[in-house]
Every structure is written in C-alpha cells, then in structure tokens.
Amino acid sequence: MCAEPGCSAPEITTVHRAPGGRRDGYRHLNRPDSASHGPESVLHRQGKALVARWARAQPNVATVEIEAPLDGRRRIADVLLTSDAGNKMAIEVQYSGLTTAEWKERTAAYKALGITVVWIWGNIGAFAPRRTRVLDVHREILRRRMPIIWINPAHERIAWAGLEDDYPRLLPANVRRHGFWFGSLDDLELRATGLFPPGFIDARIASKTTAMRPRRPRLSRGFERKVDQIASGRAR
C-alpha cells in the first residue's frame, strides 16, 4: 500500500530495473489522480517531518507543530517552533516555485506577526543547488547576509552556502565541495534570530569588526617623502 496520505490509487507493486540503471523500487498499479503525489510533494512532507523531529530535540523549544495555522488561517507555517520564553519561529521547507517578490511578501508577513522565519530550500526542483548561477531569491538572501540552506530528506542531510567572509576559513575540507558545505541538521545552531551553519555568526561578527577597524590614512607620496627626510635629519 502507498504510504502517501490520501492516495487515490494506493495499490503498489515492486519493480525490477535493469543493471546499471535506477535501483529497484515500487510503482503504482494505477496512476494516482492526486496532483500532489509527485516526488517534490513527498520530499516536502518528509522534509517537514525531519525538521520537526530535529526541533523537538532542541533545548528551550517548548512545542513543535507541523502545518500550523496563523493569522486566522491566512497563513500556514510548515513547521512552527515555540520557545520556552514564548518566542515563535516558522521554518518553511520550500520545494514549490516562489518568486523573489512572493518570498519578500511572505517574509515580511511573518515579521509583522512577530515570528522569525527560516527558509530551507528543497534539494530538487526549482531551488536545487546550482554551481553555475545564483537564483534571484537566493541572491536576495545573500544580500541580507543570511545563509542559504538546502535539505535532502531522503538522506537526512543538508547543504549550505553563503558569502565567503561569512564562514570560517578553516572548515574541514570534507564538508565543502563545489562551493557548498554539507552536514546534518544537528550541525546547525538554533538562535532566536534564525538557523545558522556552524561558525556563521562568529565569522560574520569578525567580518564586521574588520570592516569597522579604523585604517591609517593614506598620505601622498610627496608628503611621506618629506616625513622620511625630517626623520633622517636631511630636511631643511
């Protein structure tokens, strides 16, 4: 029987696939009618369940709710965390298409409700990690000096990326490939302001400190030469 809730054709059978191709698996005897039965929706459900399981194990998290209605049900948070202090955080596991304008609107709506929102992007589909280009919505996240986090629910793994100076220079080589870092949800740091990869906050603080450090004014070459002459006693 199909494990997908509400499947219109739950009868399944095993499938043997040719050597060197896709691995053996299952298929429906009859094609389901539900449009929400594709791989992305299955991964979306798995992603929400994985995030909720992880969140329930975190200290200072009082409650975790999947598909939590907010603002008179005008908004549904994929996973809603409430801390012991009563602060709320929505974690959105995003597989379906979303424009940058829609992302901004939804992010602003959560902020208006006093809820911190964290976006975790799907490992396949519209927002899958790409080596060759940065999507507009991800570019906007980078502009706000926040990390981009992806999830692979099937393997219970995550990947993250961001601006170079937002990460420690000495992260282990085995967690970085092709500009992305890899790990698990347990590697992330849960704070009131968001969900951050290891070392992200410290590196960002260090980057800001360096940027704020006063620099020695650059003098003209003629003035510097005059100072050198005075120091050596050659100036008149």
C-alpha atoms as a PDB file:
ATOM      1  CA  MET A   1       0.000   0.000   0.000  1.00  0.00           C
ATOM      2  CA  CYS A   2       1.167   3.526  -0.805  1.00  0.00           C
ATOM      3  CA  ALA A   3       2.465   5.430   2.204  1.00  0.00           C
ATOM      4  CA  GLU A   4       1.281   8.787   0.844  1.00  0.00           C
ATOM      5  CA  PRO A   5      -1.743  10.020   2.846  1.00  0.00           C
ATOM      6  CA  GLY A   6      -4.938  10.255   0.784  1.00  0.00           C
ATOM      7  CA  CYS A   7      -3.512   8.469  -2.264  1.00  0.00           C
ATOM      8  CA  SER A   8      -6.361   7.784  -4.727  1.00  0.00           C
ATOM      9  CA  ALA A   9      -4.702   4.574  -6.025  1.00  0.00           C
ATOM     10  CA  PRO A  10      -2.848   3.079  -3.041  1.00  0.00           C
ATOM     11  CA  GLU A  11      -2.127  -0.348  -4.604  1.00  0.00           C
ATOM     12  CA  ILE A  12       1.579  -0.695  -5.477  1.00  0.00           C
ATOM     13  CA  THR A  13       3.890  -3.382  -6.806  1.00  0.00           C
ATOM     14  CA  THR A  14       7.636  -3.995  -6.884  1.00  0.00           C
ATOM     15  CA  VAL A  15       9.720  -3.031  -9.915  1.00  0.00           C
ATOM     16  CA  HIS A  16      12.980  -4.601 -11.051  1.00  0.00           C
ATOM     17  CA  ARG A  17      15.101  -2.221 -13.100  1.00  0.00           C
ATOM     18  CA  ALA A  18      17.980  -3.005 -15.423  1.00  0.00           C
ATOM     19  CA  PRO A  19      21.516  -3.294 -14.003  1.00  0.00           C
ATOM     20  CA  GLY A  20      23.371  -0.001 -14.144  1.00  0.00           C
ATOM     21  CA  GLY A  21      20.120   1.987 -14.192  1.00  0.00           C
ATOM     22  CA  ARG A  22      17.845   3.159 -11.416  1.00  0.00           C
ATOM     23  CA  ARG A  23      17.631   0.950  -8.350  1.00  0.00           C
ATOM     24  CA  ASP A  24      14.744  -1.467  -7.800  1.00  0.00           C
ATOM     25  CA  GLY A  25      11.683   0.062  -6.190  1.00  0.00           C
ATOM     26  CA  TYR A  26       7.903   0.343  -6.273  1.00  0.00           C
ATOM     27  CA  ARG A  27       5.265   1.761  -8.587  1.00  0.00           C
ATOM     28  CA  HIS A  28       1.509   2.214  -8.520  1.00  0.00           C
ATOM     29  CA  LEU A  29      -0.659  -0.336 -10.270  1.00  0.00           C
ATOM     30  CA  ASN A  30      -2.802   2.586 -11.423  1.00  0.00           C
ATOM     31  CA  ARG A  31      -1.754   6.214 -11.804  1.00  0.00           C
ATOM     32  CA  PRO A  32      -2.934   8.302  -8.809  1.00  0.00           C
ATOM     33  CA  ASP A  33      -5.326  11.148  -9.520  1.00  0.00           C
ATOM     34  CA  SER A  34      -3.774  13.436  -6.920  1.00  0.00           C
ATOM     35  CA  ALA A  35      -1.616  16.192  -8.391  1.00  0.00           C
ATOM     36  CA  SER A  36       0.216  16.441  -5.050  1.00  0.00           C
ATOM     37  CA  HIS A  37       1.632  12.947  -5.329  1.00  0.00           C
ATOM     38  CA  GLY A  38       4.842  13.805  -7.195  1.00  0.00           C
ATOM     39  CA  PRO A  39       8.378  13.418  -5.852  1.00  0.00           C
ATOM     40  CA  GLU A  40       8.588  17.047  -4.717  1.00  0.00           C
ATOM     41  CA  SER A  41       5.458  16.846  -2.554  1.00  0.00           C
ATOM     42  CA  VAL A  42       6.652  13.589  -0.981  1.00  0.00           C
ATOM     43  CA  LEU A  43      10.030  15.175  -0.204  1.00  0.00           C
ATOM     44  CA  HIS A  44       8.222  18.241   1.139  1.00  0.00           C
ATOM     45  CA  ARG A  45       6.327  16.102   3.649  1.00  0.00           C
ATOM     46  CA  GLN A  46       9.460  14.194   4.563  1.00  0.00           C
ATOM     47  CA  GLY A  47      11.353  17.462   4.974  1.00  0.00           C
ATOM     48  CA  LYS A  48       8.754  18.878   7.353  1.00  0.00           C
ATOM     49  CA  ALA A  49       8.755  15.683   9.401  1.00  0.00           C
ATOM     50  CA  LEU A  50      12.569  15.668   9.578  1.00  0.00           C
ATOM     51  CA  VAL A  51      12.734  19.316  10.663  1.00  0.00           C
ATOM     52  CA  ALA A  52      10.015  18.755  13.284  1.00  0.00           C
ATOM     53  CA  ARG A  53      11.824  15.709  14.699  1.00  0.00           C
ATOM     54  CA  TRP A  54      15.045  17.670  14.926  1.00  0.00           C
ATOM     55  CA  ALA A  55      13.327  20.687  16.524  1.00  0.00           C
ATOM     56  CA  ARG A  56      11.702  18.580  19.260  1.00  0.00           C
ATOM     57  CA  ALA A  57      15.179  17.511  20.399  1.00  0.00           C
ATOM     58  CA  GLN A  58      16.450  21.095  20.750  1.00  0.00           C
ATOM     59  CA  PRO A  59      16.826  22.724  24.182  1.00  0.00           C
ATOM     60  CA  ASN A  60      14.470  25.576  25.094  1.00  0.00           C
ATOM     61  CA  VAL A  61      11.910  24.513  22.462  1.00  0.00           C
ATOM     62  CA  ALA A  62       8.562  24.045  24.205  1.00  0.00           C
ATOM     63  CA  THR A  63       6.320  22.981  21.309  1.00  0.00           C
ATOM     64  CA  VAL A  64       6.680  21.991  17.650  1.00  0.00           C
ATOM     65  CA  GLU A  65       3.716  21.950  15.266  1.00  0.00           C
ATOM     66  CA  ILE A  66       3.533  20.856  11.634  1.00  0.00           C
ATOM     67  CA  GLU A  67       1.192  22.792   9.317  1.00  0.00           C
ATOM     68  CA  ALA A  68       0.419  25.391  11.976  1.00  0.00           C
ATOM     69  CA  PRO A  69      -2.354  27.877  11.076  1.00  0.00           C
ATOM     70  CA  LEU A  70      -1.530  31.537  11.715  1.00  0.00           C
ATOM     71  CA  ASP A  71      -3.244  34.900  11.356  1.00  0.00           C
ATOM     72  CA  GLY A  72      -6.761  33.456  11.173  1.00  0.00           C
ATOM     73  CA  ARG A  73      -5.577  30.621   8.903  1.00  0.00           C
ATOM     74  CA  ARG A  74      -4.473  33.125   6.265  1.00  0.00           C
ATOM     75  CA  ARG A  75      -1.002  31.629   6.606  1.00  0.00           C
ATOM     76  CA  ILE A  76       0.154  28.068   7.320  1.00  0.00           C
ATOM     77  CA  ALA A  77       3.663  27.545   8.675  1.00  0.00           C
ATOM     78  CA  ASP A  78       5.297  24.308   7.547  1.00  0.00           C
ATOM     79  CA  VAL A  79       6.847  23.859  10.999  1.00  0.00           C
ATOM     80  CA  LEU A  80       6.211  26.223  13.915  1.00  0.00           C
ATOM     81  CA  LEU A  81       8.520  26.278  16.937  1.00  0.00           C
ATOM     82  CA  THR A  82       7.592  27.969  20.211  1.00  0.00           C
ATOM     83  CA  SER A  83      10.365  28.533  22.736  1.00  0.00           C
ATOM     84  CA  ASP A  84      10.109  28.279  26.498  1.00  0.00           C
ATOM     85  CA  ALA A  85      10.014  32.096  26.531  1.00  0.00           C
ATOM     86  CA  GLY A  86       7.080  32.143  24.091  1.00  0.00           C
ATOM     87  CA  ASN A  87       9.006  33.298  21.012  1.00  0.00           C
ATOM     88  CA  LYS A  88       7.879  31.739  17.735  1.00  0.00           C
ATOM     89  CA  MET A  89       9.838  30.636  14.685  1.00  0.00           C
ATOM     90  CA  ALA A  90       8.384  29.379  11.420  1.00  0.00           C
ATOM     91  CA  ILE A  91      10.512  27.052   9.294  1.00  0.00           C
ATOM     92  CA  GLU A  92       9.440  26.868   5.668  1.00  0.00           C
ATOM     93  CA  VAL A  93      10.599  23.874   3.629  1.00  0.00           C
ATOM     94  CA  GLN A  94      10.305  25.258   0.106  1.00  0.00           C
ATOM     95  CA  TYR A  95      10.079  22.933  -2.897  1.00  0.00           C
ATOM     96  CA  SER A  96       7.361  24.617  -4.966  1.00  0.00           C
ATOM     97  CA  GLY A  97       8.031  27.651  -7.131  1.00  0.00           C
ATOM     98  CA  LEU A  98       8.297  31.037  -5.438  1.00  0.00           C
ATOM     99  CA  THR A  99       9.225  34.412  -6.917  1.00  0.00           C
ATOM    100  CA  THR A 100      11.509  36.844  -5.153  1.00  0.00           C
ATOM    101  CA  ALA A 101       8.556  39.210  -4.683  1.00  0.00           C
ATOM    102  CA  GLU A 102       6.493  36.425  -3.106  1.00  0.00           C
ATOM    103  CA  TRP A 103       9.399  35.481  -0.844  1.00  0.00           C
ATOM    104  CA  LYS A 104       9.734  39.090   0.312  1.00  0.00           C
ATOM    105  CA  GLU A 105       5.980  39.349   0.936  1.00  0.00           C
ATOM    106  CA  ARG A 106       5.822  36.143   2.959  1.00  0.00           C
ATOM    107  CA  THR A 107       8.939  37.036   4.935  1.00  0.00           C
ATOM    108  CA  ALA A 108       7.517  40.477   5.734  1.00  0.00           C
ATOM    109  CA  ALA A 109       4.167  38.930   6.733  1.00  0.00           C
ATOM    110  CA  TYR A 110       5.864  36.688   9.293  1.00  0.00           C
ATOM    111  CA  LYS A 111       7.806  39.665  10.636  1.00  0.00           C
ATOM    112  CA  ALA A 112       4.549  41.623  11.030  1.00  0.00           C
ATOM    113  CA  LEU A 113       3.202  38.738  13.141  1.00  0.00           C
ATOM    114  CA  GLY A 114       6.287  38.862  15.354  1.00  0.00           C
ATOM    115  CA  ILE A 115       7.513  35.500  14.051  1.00  0.00           C
ATOM    116  CA  THR A 116      11.042  34.743  12.909  1.00  0.00           C
ATOM    117  CA  VAL A 117      11.029  32.816   9.635  1.00  0.00           C
ATOM    118  CA  VAL A 118      13.708  30.426   8.367  1.00  0.00           C
ATOM    119  CA  TRP A 119      13.708  29.204   4.775  1.00  0.00           C
ATOM    120  CA  ILE A 120      15.077  25.757   3.951  1.00  0.00           C
ATOM    121  CA  TRP A 121      15.165  25.009   0.224  1.00  0.00           C
ATOM    122  CA  GLY A 122      14.441  21.701  -1.494  1.00  0.00           C
ATOM    123  CA  ASN A 123      17.231  19.567  -2.909  1.00  0.00           C
ATOM    124  CA  ILE A 124      15.411  19.054  -6.218  1.00  0.00           C
ATOM    125  CA  GLY A 125      13.175  21.202  -8.371  1.00  0.00           C
ATOM    126  CA  ALA A 126      13.126  24.963  -8.732  1.00  0.00           C
ATOM    127  CA  PHE A 127      15.515  25.770  -5.889  1.00  0.00           C
ATOM    128  CA  ALA A 128      18.038  22.932  -6.092  1.00  0.00           C
ATOM    129  CA  PRO A 129      21.675  23.992  -5.554  1.00  0.00           C
ATOM    130  CA  ARG A 130      23.376  25.150  -8.741  1.00  0.00           C
ATOM    131  CA  ARG A 131      27.101  25.541  -9.322  1.00  0.00           C
ATOM    132  CA  THR A 132      26.881  27.895 -12.264  1.00  0.00           C
ATOM    133  CA  ARG A 133      24.419  30.567 -11.180  1.00  0.00           C
ATOM    134  CA  VAL A 134      22.661  32.045  -8.164  1.00  0.00           C
ATOM    135  CA  LEU A 135      18.874  32.287  -8.267  1.00  0.00           C
ATOM    136  CA  ASP A 136      17.392  35.748  -7.745  1.00  0.00           C
ATOM    137  CA  VAL A 137      15.705  34.812  -4.460  1.00  0.00           C
ATOM    138  CA  HIS A 138      18.943  33.308  -3.143  1.00  0.00           C
ATOM    139  CA  ARG A 139      20.817  36.427  -4.249  1.00  0.00           C
ATOM    140  CA  GLU A 140      18.421  38.484  -2.135  1.00  0.00           C
ATOM    141  CA  ILE A 141      19.123  36.253   0.866  1.00  0.00           C
ATOM    142  CA  LEU A 142      22.866  36.724   0.385  1.00  0.00           C
ATOM    143  CA  ARG A 143      22.337  40.473   0.144  1.00  0.00           C
ATOM    144  CA  ARG A 144      20.790  40.310   3.614  1.00  0.00           C
ATOM    145  CA  ARG A 145      23.888  38.450   4.863  1.00  0.00           C
ATOM    146  CA  MET A 146      21.925  35.293   5.672  1.00  0.00           C
ATOM    147  CA  PRO A 147      22.823  31.691   4.788  1.00  0.00           C
ATOM    148  CA  ILE A 148      21.144  29.599   2.111  1.00  0.00           C
ATOM    149  CA  ILE A 149      20.250  26.142   3.463  1.00  0.00           C
ATOM    150  CA  TRP A 150      19.061  23.137   1.438  1.00  0.00           C
ATOM    151  CA  ILE A 151      17.653  19.841   2.705  1.00  0.00           C
ATOM    152  CA  ASN A 152      17.721  16.279   1.372  1.00  0.00           C
ATOM    153  CA  PRO A 153      15.095  14.473   3.479  1.00  0.00           C
ATOM    154  CA  ALA A 154      15.734  11.052   1.944  1.00  0.00           C
ATOM    155  CA  HIS A 155      19.323  11.049   3.223  1.00  0.00           C
ATOM    156  CA  GLU A 156      18.677  13.347   6.213  1.00  0.00           C
ATOM    157  CA  ARG A 157      21.398  15.705   5.004  1.00  0.00           C
ATOM    158  CA  ILE A 158      21.645  19.440   4.466  1.00  0.00           C
ATOM    159  CA  ALA A 159      23.865  21.751   2.445  1.00  0.00           C
ATOM    160  CA  TRP A 160      24.523  25.421   2.904  1.00  0.00           C
ATOM    161  CA  ALA A 161      26.213  28.294   1.136  1.00  0.00           C
ATOM    162  CA  GLY A 162      26.826  31.993   1.554  1.00  0.00           C
ATOM    163  CA  LEU A 163      29.292  34.815   1.132  1.00  0.00           C
ATOM    164  CA  GLU A 164      32.881  33.707   1.614  1.00  0.00           C
ATOM    165  CA  ASP A 165      33.579  36.017   4.556  1.00  0.00           C
ATOM    166  CA  ASP A 166      30.547  34.667   6.422  1.00  0.00           C
ATOM    167  CA  TYR A 167      32.266  31.340   7.045  1.00  0.00           C
ATOM    168  CA  PRO A 168      35.354  30.245   8.968  1.00  0.00           C
ATOM    169  CA  ARG A 169      38.384  29.882   6.726  1.00  0.00           C
ATOM    170  CA  LEU A 170      39.379  26.541   8.294  1.00  0.00           C
ATOM    171  CA  LEU A 171      36.218  24.454   7.935  1.00  0.00           C
ATOM    172  CA  PRO A 172      37.152  20.784   7.383  1.00  0.00           C
ATOM    173  CA  ALA A 173      37.751  20.082   3.694  1.00  0.00           C
ATOM    174  CA  ASN A 174      35.441  17.055   3.741  1.00  0.00           C
ATOM    175  CA  VAL A 175      32.383  19.224   4.391  1.00  0.00           C
ATOM    176  CA  ARG A 176      32.929  21.553   1.430  1.00  0.00           C
ATOM    177  CA  ARG A 177      32.578  20.655  -2.229  1.00  0.00           C
ATOM    178  CA  HIS A 178      31.966  22.893  -5.247  1.00  0.00           C
ATOM    179  CA  GLY A 179      31.317  25.940  -3.061  1.00  0.00           C
ATOM    180  CA  PHE A 180      28.778  24.202  -0.813  1.00  0.00           C
ATOM    181  CA  TRP A 181      29.131  22.882   2.713  1.00  0.00           C
ATOM    182  CA  PHE A 182      27.450  19.629   3.773  1.00  0.00           C
ATOM    183  CA  GLY A 183      26.253  18.243   7.090  1.00  0.00           C
ATOM    184  CA  SER A 184      23.132  17.443   9.078  1.00  0.00           C
ATOM    185  CA  LEU A 185      20.517  19.475  10.909  1.00  0.00           C
ATOM    186  CA  ASP A 186      22.377  18.719  14.136  1.00  0.00           C
ATOM    187  CA  ASP A 187      25.270  20.808  12.820  1.00  0.00           C
ATOM    188  CA  LEU A 188      23.112  23.941  12.716  1.00  0.00           C
ATOM    189  CA  GLU A 189      22.834  26.488  15.502  1.00  0.00           C
ATOM    190  CA  LEU A 190      19.300  27.480  16.529  1.00  0.00           C
ATOM    191  CA  ARG A 191      19.058  31.075  17.712  1.00  0.00           C
ATOM    192  CA  ALA A 192      16.174  33.465  18.268  1.00  0.00           C
ATOM    193  CA  THR A 193      17.157  35.271  15.063  1.00  0.00           C
ATOM    194  CA  GLY A 194      17.332  32.212  12.829  1.00  0.00           C
ATOM    195  CA  LEU A 195      19.037  28.944  11.975  1.00  0.00           C
ATOM    196  CA  PHE A 196      22.735  29.188  11.215  1.00  0.00           C
ATOM    197  CA  PRO A 197      25.519  26.903   9.945  1.00  0.00           C
ATOM    198  CA  PRO A 198      28.475  26.218  12.252  1.00  0.00           C
ATOM    199  CA  GLY A 199      30.707  29.230  12.729  1.00  0.00           C
ATOM    200  CA  PHE A 200      28.459  31.533  10.689  1.00  0.00           C
ATOM    201  CA  ILE A 201      27.657  34.025  13.465  1.00  0.00           C
ATOM    202  CA  ASP A 202      31.245  34.236  14.757  1.00  0.00           C
ATOM    203  CA  ALA A 203      32.618  34.717  11.236  1.00  0.00           C
ATOM    204  CA  ARG A 204      30.058  37.408  10.454  1.00  0.00           C
ATOM    205  CA  ILE A 205      30.901  39.270  13.675  1.00  0.00           C
ATOM    206  CA  ALA A 206      34.606  39.020  12.855  1.00  0.00           C
ATOM    207  CA  SER A 207      33.931  40.318   9.333  1.00  0.00           C
ATOM    208  CA  LYS A 208      32.019  43.324  10.691  1.00  0.00           C
ATOM    209  CA  THR A 209      34.760  44.032  13.248  1.00  0.00           C
ATOM    210  CA  THR A 210      37.391  44.030  10.498  1.00  0.00           C
ATOM    211  CA  ALA A 211      35.263  46.324   8.348  1.00  0.00           C
ATOM    212  CA  MET A 212      34.836  48.766  11.273  1.00  0.00           C
ATOM    213  CA  ARG A 213      38.532  48.777  12.186  1.00  0.00           C
ATOM    214  CA  PRO A 214      39.995  52.263  11.545  1.00  0.00           C
ATOM    215  CA  ARG A 215      42.527  52.386   8.756  1.00  0.00           C
ATOM    216  CA  ARG A 216      45.649  54.560   8.610  1.00  0.00           C
ATOM    217  CA  PRO A 217      45.002  57.487   6.292  1.00  0.00           C
ATOM    218  CA  ARG A 218      46.865  57.177   3.015  1.00  0.00           C
ATOM    219  CA  LEU A 219      49.171  60.148   2.504  1.00  0.00           C
ATOM    220  CA  SER A 220      50.551  61.482  -0.727  1.00  0.00           C
ATOM    221  CA  ARG A 221      53.979  60.207  -1.784  1.00  0.00           C
ATOM    222  CA  GLY A 222      55.446  63.715  -1.582  1.00  0.00           C
ATOM    223  CA  PHE A 223      54.273  64.179   1.994  1.00  0.00           C
ATOM    224  CA  GLU A 224      55.582  60.729   3.006  1.00  0.00           C
ATOM    225  CA  ARG A 225      58.976  61.576   1.468  1.00  0.00           C
ATOM    226  CA  LYS A 226      59.097  64.818   3.450  1.00  0.00           C
ATOM    227  CA  VAL A 227      58.367  62.951   6.696  1.00  0.00           C
ATOM    228  CA  ASP A 228      61.178  60.495   5.929  1.00  0.00           C
ATOM    229  CA  GLN A 229      63.597  63.369   5.315  1.00  0.00           C
ATOM    230  CA  ILE A 230      62.654  65.024   8.615  1.00  0.00           C
ATOM    231  CA  ALA A 231      63.146  61.732  10.467  1.00  0.00           C
ATOM    232  CA  SER A 232      66.633  61.282   8.953  1.00  0.00           C
ATOM    233  CA  GLY A 233      67.687  64.880   9.574  1.00  0.00           C
ATOM    234  CA  ARG A 234      68.066  65.615   5.867  1.00  0.00           C
ATOM    235  CA  ALA A 235      65.272  68.142   5.623  1.00  0.00           C
ATOM    236  CA  ARG A 236      65.973  71.825   5.975  1.00  0.00           C
END
